Amino acid sequence: MASRAPLDEPALATFCQTHAGWTHEDGALVKSYRFADYGAAVGFTMRVALAAEKADHHPEIGLGWGRVRVAWSTHDAGGITALDVAMAERTDSLANG
């Protein structure tokens, strides 16, 4: 399992520079995804929810027509950890799969 120690600013900047669309805001890794319609957005949301449940690590998810906003953070660590980075990468793979 990935570390739950908070990442430093250079590590977060590197992640965001090398992973399109990701930003770090208010102690979370955040990305918005666009889909053709509501059903596709819901399907993606469900895939993320199932992956989160399996990892026992749950994001904030905002769902709208054709769009989903995902925010990963580790509240008990007080910020963004390697676990959030791993789940952000998993989220991208779910969006592309």
N, C-alpha and C. Protein backbone atom coordinates (compact mmCIF):
# COMPACT_ATOMS: atom_id res chain seq x y z
N MET A 1 0.84 -1.18 0.00
CA MET A 1 0.00 0.00 0.00
C MET A 1 0.88 1.24 0.00
N ALA A 2 0.43 2.29 -0.66
CA ALA A 2 1.18 3.54 -0.76
C ALA A 2 1.26 4.25 0.59
N SER A 3 2.28 5.05 0.73
CA SER A 3 2.52 5.78 1.97
C SER A 3 1.43 6.80 2.26
N ARG A 4 1.17 6.98 3.55
CA ARG A 4 0.20 7.99 3.97
C ARG A 4 0.88 9.21 4.58
N ALA A 5 2.16 9.40 4.26
CA ALA A 5 2.87 10.61 4.69
C ALA A 5 2.60 11.71 3.67
N PRO A 6 2.31 12.93 4.12
CA PRO A 6 2.03 14.02 3.17
C PRO A 6 3.21 14.27 2.24
N LEU A 7 2.90 14.53 0.97
CA LEU A 7 3.92 14.85 -0.01
C LEU A 7 4.30 16.33 0.09
N ASP A 8 5.54 16.62 -0.28
CA ASP A 8 5.98 18.02 -0.25
C ASP A 8 5.59 18.73 -1.55
N GLU A 9 5.73 20.03 -1.53
CA GLU A 9 5.33 20.87 -2.67
C GLU A 9 6.04 20.49 -3.97
N PRO A 10 7.36 20.25 -3.98
CA PRO A 10 7.99 19.85 -5.24
C PRO A 10 7.43 18.54 -5.82
N ALA A 11 7.13 17.58 -4.97
CA ALA A 11 6.56 16.31 -5.44
C ALA A 11 5.17 16.55 -6.05
N LEU A 12 4.38 17.39 -5.42
CA LEU A 12 3.04 17.70 -5.96
C LEU A 12 3.14 18.44 -7.29
N ALA A 13 4.07 19.39 -7.37
CA ALA A 13 4.25 20.14 -8.61
C ALA A 13 4.67 19.21 -9.74
N THR A 14 5.58 18.29 -9.45
CA THR A 14 6.03 17.34 -10.46
C THR A 14 4.88 16.47 -10.93
N PHE A 15 4.07 15.97 -9.99
CA PHE A 15 2.93 15.14 -10.38
C PHE A 15 2.00 15.93 -11.31
N CYS A 16 1.65 17.13 -10.94
CA CYS A 16 0.72 17.93 -11.74
C CYS A 16 1.30 18.28 -13.11
N GLN A 17 2.60 18.49 -13.18
CA GLN A 17 3.24 18.79 -14.46
C GLN A 17 3.29 17.59 -15.39
N THR A 18 3.31 16.42 -14.83
CA THR A 18 3.45 15.20 -15.63
C THR A 18 2.14 14.44 -15.82
N HIS A 19 1.06 14.94 -15.24
CA HIS A 19 -0.25 14.29 -15.35
C HIS A 19 -1.28 15.34 -15.75
N ALA A 20 -1.62 15.34 -17.02
CA ALA A 20 -2.48 16.37 -17.60
C ALA A 20 -3.79 16.54 -16.84
N GLY A 21 -4.10 17.80 -16.55
CA GLY A 21 -5.38 18.14 -15.95
C GLY A 21 -5.42 18.14 -14.44
N TRP A 22 -4.43 17.54 -13.79
CA TRP A 22 -4.44 17.50 -12.33
C TRP A 22 -3.87 18.78 -11.75
N THR A 23 -4.52 19.28 -10.70
CA THR A 23 -4.03 20.43 -9.94
C THR A 23 -4.08 20.05 -8.46
N HIS A 24 -3.43 20.82 -7.64
CA HIS A 24 -3.61 20.62 -6.21
C HIS A 24 -4.22 21.89 -5.64
N GLU A 25 -5.39 21.69 -5.01
CA GLU A 25 -6.19 22.79 -4.47
C GLU A 25 -6.68 22.41 -3.08
N ASP A 26 -6.50 23.31 -2.16
CA ASP A 26 -7.03 23.12 -0.80
C ASP A 26 -6.70 21.75 -0.23
N GLY A 27 -5.47 21.30 -0.40
CA GLY A 27 -5.03 20.04 0.18
C GLY A 27 -5.53 18.80 -0.51
N ALA A 28 -5.89 18.91 -1.80
CA ALA A 28 -6.38 17.75 -2.56
C ALA A 28 -5.84 17.79 -3.98
N LEU A 29 -5.69 16.62 -4.58
CA LEU A 29 -5.44 16.51 -6.01
C LEU A 29 -6.79 16.53 -6.70
N VAL A 30 -6.95 17.42 -7.68
CA VAL A 30 -8.26 17.65 -8.29
C VAL A 30 -8.15 17.58 -9.82
N LYS A 31 -9.15 16.94 -10.42
CA LYS A 31 -9.25 16.91 -11.88
C LYS A 31 -10.71 16.83 -12.29
N SER A 32 -11.04 17.52 -13.36
CA SER A 32 -12.38 17.45 -13.94
C SER A 32 -12.30 16.69 -15.26
N TYR A 33 -13.27 15.83 -15.46
CA TYR A 33 -13.36 15.01 -16.67
C TYR A 33 -14.63 15.37 -17.42
N ARG A 34 -14.57 15.29 -18.76
CA ARG A 34 -15.73 15.55 -19.61
C ARG A 34 -16.12 14.27 -20.33
N PHE A 35 -17.43 14.06 -20.47
CA PHE A 35 -17.97 12.88 -21.14
C PHE A 35 -19.06 13.30 -22.11
N ALA A 36 -19.40 12.41 -23.00
CA ALA A 36 -20.38 12.71 -24.04
C ALA A 36 -21.77 12.97 -23.49
N ASP A 37 -22.10 12.34 -22.37
CA ASP A 37 -23.45 12.49 -21.83
C ASP A 37 -23.47 12.11 -20.35
N TYR A 38 -24.65 12.20 -19.76
CA TYR A 38 -24.81 11.92 -18.34
C TYR A 38 -24.50 10.46 -18.02
N GLY A 39 -24.97 9.55 -18.86
CA GLY A 39 -24.75 8.12 -18.62
C GLY A 39 -23.27 7.77 -18.57
N ALA A 40 -22.49 8.33 -19.48
CA ALA A 40 -21.05 8.07 -19.49
C ALA A 40 -20.39 8.63 -18.22
N ALA A 41 -20.85 9.79 -17.78
CA ALA A 41 -20.31 10.39 -16.54
C ALA A 41 -20.66 9.52 -15.33
N VAL A 42 -21.87 9.02 -15.28
CA VAL A 42 -22.29 8.15 -14.18
C VAL A 42 -21.49 6.84 -14.19
N GLY A 43 -21.29 6.27 -15.37
CA GLY A 43 -20.51 5.04 -15.48
C GLY A 43 -19.10 5.22 -14.96
N PHE A 44 -18.46 6.33 -15.33
CA PHE A 44 -17.13 6.64 -14.83
C PHE A 44 -17.14 6.81 -13.32
N THR A 45 -18.12 7.53 -12.81
CA THR A 45 -18.24 7.74 -11.37
C THR A 45 -18.34 6.40 -10.64
N MET A 46 -19.10 5.49 -11.17
CA MET A 46 -19.24 4.17 -10.55
C MET A 46 -17.92 3.39 -10.58
N ARG A 47 -17.18 3.48 -11.69
CA ARG A 47 -15.88 2.79 -11.77
C ARG A 47 -14.92 3.35 -10.72
N VAL A 48 -14.91 4.68 -10.57
CA VAL A 48 -14.06 5.31 -9.56
C VAL A 48 -14.50 4.88 -8.17
N ALA A 49 -15.81 4.86 -7.94
CA ALA A 49 -16.33 4.46 -6.62
C ALA A 49 -15.94 3.03 -6.28
N LEU A 50 -16.01 2.13 -7.22
CA LEU A 50 -15.63 0.74 -6.96
C LEU A 50 -14.14 0.61 -6.69
N ALA A 51 -13.31 1.33 -7.44
CA ALA A 51 -11.86 1.31 -7.19
C ALA A 51 -11.55 1.90 -5.82
N ALA A 52 -12.25 2.96 -5.45
CA ALA A 52 -12.04 3.60 -4.15
C ALA A 52 -12.43 2.65 -3.02
N GLU A 53 -13.53 1.96 -3.18
CA GLU A 53 -13.98 1.02 -2.16
C GLU A 53 -12.97 -0.11 -1.99
N LYS A 54 -12.46 -0.61 -3.12
CA LYS A 54 -11.48 -1.69 -3.07
C LYS A 54 -10.21 -1.23 -2.34
N ALA A 55 -9.81 0.02 -2.55
CA ALA A 55 -8.61 0.57 -1.91
C ALA A 55 -8.87 1.10 -0.50
N ASP A 56 -10.13 1.14 -0.11
CA ASP A 56 -10.54 1.73 1.17
C ASP A 56 -10.02 3.16 1.31
N HIS A 57 -10.16 3.90 0.20
CA HIS A 57 -9.73 5.30 0.15
C HIS A 57 -10.69 6.02 -0.80
N HIS A 58 -11.41 7.00 -0.30
CA HIS A 58 -12.55 7.54 -1.02
C HIS A 58 -12.39 9.02 -1.35
N PRO A 59 -12.62 9.39 -2.62
CA PRO A 59 -12.49 10.78 -3.03
C PRO A 59 -13.78 11.55 -2.82
N GLU A 60 -13.67 12.85 -2.99
CA GLU A 60 -14.85 13.70 -3.16
C GLU A 60 -15.15 13.66 -4.65
N ILE A 61 -16.41 13.40 -5.00
CA ILE A 61 -16.80 13.32 -6.41
C ILE A 61 -17.98 14.25 -6.64
N GLY A 62 -17.87 15.08 -7.68
CA GLY A 62 -18.97 15.93 -8.11
C GLY A 62 -19.41 15.47 -9.49
N LEU A 63 -20.69 15.20 -9.65
CA LEU A 63 -21.24 14.65 -10.89
C LEU A 63 -22.24 15.62 -11.49
N GLY A 64 -22.12 15.85 -12.79
CA GLY A 64 -23.08 16.67 -13.52
C GLY A 64 -23.27 16.08 -14.90
N TRP A 65 -24.05 16.74 -15.73
CA TRP A 65 -24.31 16.23 -17.07
C TRP A 65 -23.02 16.27 -17.88
N GLY A 66 -22.46 15.09 -18.16
CA GLY A 66 -21.27 14.99 -18.97
C GLY A 66 -19.98 15.42 -18.31
N ARG A 67 -20.00 15.59 -16.99
CA ARG A 67 -18.78 16.00 -16.32
C ARG A 67 -18.69 15.40 -14.92
N VAL A 68 -17.46 15.14 -14.50
CA VAL A 68 -17.19 14.60 -13.17
C VAL A 68 -15.94 15.30 -12.64
N ARG A 69 -16.02 15.77 -11.41
CA ARG A 69 -14.86 16.37 -10.74
C ARG A 69 -14.47 15.43 -9.60
N VAL A 70 -13.18 15.04 -9.58
CA VAL A 70 -12.67 14.11 -8.57
C VAL A 70 -11.59 14.81 -7.76
N ALA A 71 -11.65 14.68 -6.45
CA ALA A 71 -10.65 15.27 -5.56
C ALA A 71 -10.17 14.21 -4.57
N TRP A 72 -8.87 13.93 -4.62
CA TRP A 72 -8.26 12.94 -3.73
C TRP A 72 -7.45 13.64 -2.65
N SER A 73 -7.65 13.25 -1.40
CA SER A 73 -6.80 13.70 -0.30
C SER A 73 -6.89 12.66 0.81
N THR A 74 -5.91 12.72 1.70
CA THR A 74 -5.88 11.80 2.84
C THR A 74 -6.10 12.65 4.08
N HIS A 75 -7.35 12.71 4.52
CA HIS A 75 -7.72 13.61 5.62
C HIS A 75 -6.95 13.33 6.90
N ASP A 76 -6.77 12.05 7.24
CA ASP A 76 -6.08 11.75 8.49
C ASP A 76 -4.58 12.05 8.43
N ALA A 77 -4.03 12.26 7.22
CA ALA A 77 -2.63 12.65 7.07
C ALA A 77 -2.50 14.17 6.92
N GLY A 78 -3.62 14.84 6.74
CA GLY A 78 -3.60 16.29 6.63
C GLY A 78 -3.14 16.80 5.28
N GLY A 79 -3.34 16.02 4.22
CA GLY A 79 -2.96 16.50 2.90
C GLY A 79 -2.93 15.41 1.86
N ILE A 80 -2.11 15.63 0.87
CA ILE A 80 -2.00 14.72 -0.26
C ILE A 80 -0.83 13.76 -0.02
N THR A 81 -1.10 12.47 -0.21
CA THR A 81 -0.10 11.43 0.03
C THR A 81 0.14 10.62 -1.24
N ALA A 82 1.10 9.70 -1.16
CA ALA A 82 1.36 8.80 -2.28
C ALA A 82 0.13 7.97 -2.62
N LEU A 83 -0.70 7.68 -1.64
CA LEU A 83 -1.94 6.95 -1.89
C LEU A 83 -2.86 7.76 -2.81
N ASP A 84 -2.93 9.06 -2.59
CA ASP A 84 -3.75 9.92 -3.45
C ASP A 84 -3.20 9.96 -4.87
N VAL A 85 -1.88 10.02 -4.99
CA VAL A 85 -1.25 10.00 -6.30
C VAL A 85 -1.58 8.70 -7.02
N ALA A 86 -1.46 7.58 -6.33
CA ALA A 86 -1.77 6.29 -6.93
C ALA A 86 -3.23 6.22 -7.36
N MET A 87 -4.13 6.75 -6.54
CA MET A 87 -5.55 6.72 -6.89
C MET A 87 -5.87 7.71 -8.02
N ALA A 88 -5.16 8.82 -8.09
CA ALA A 88 -5.34 9.75 -9.21
C ALA A 88 -4.92 9.08 -10.52
N GLU A 89 -3.81 8.37 -10.49
CA GLU A 89 -3.38 7.64 -11.68
C GLU A 89 -4.39 6.56 -12.05
N ARG A 90 -4.94 5.89 -11.05
CA ARG A 90 -5.97 4.87 -11.31
C ARG A 90 -7.22 5.52 -11.91
N THR A 91 -7.56 6.70 -11.43
CA THR A 91 -8.72 7.43 -11.95
C THR A 91 -8.52 7.74 -13.42
N ASP A 92 -7.33 8.23 -13.79
CA ASP A 92 -7.06 8.48 -15.21
C ASP A 92 -7.20 7.21 -16.03
N SER A 93 -6.70 6.10 -15.53
CA SER A 93 -6.81 4.86 -16.30
C SER A 93 -8.27 4.44 -16.46
N LEU A 94 -9.09 4.70 -15.47
CA LEU A 94 -10.51 4.38 -15.56
C LEU A 94 -11.22 5.28 -16.58
N ALA A 95 -10.76 6.51 -16.70
CA ALA A 95 -11.37 7.43 -17.66
C ALA A 95 -11.00 7.06 -19.09
N ASN A 96 -9.84 6.46 -19.26
CA ASN A 96 -9.35 6.12 -20.59
C ASN A 96 -9.65 4.69 -21.00
N GLY A 97 -10.23 3.92 -20.08
CA GLY A 97 -10.43 2.50 -20.35
C GLY A 97 -11.75 2.10 -20.76
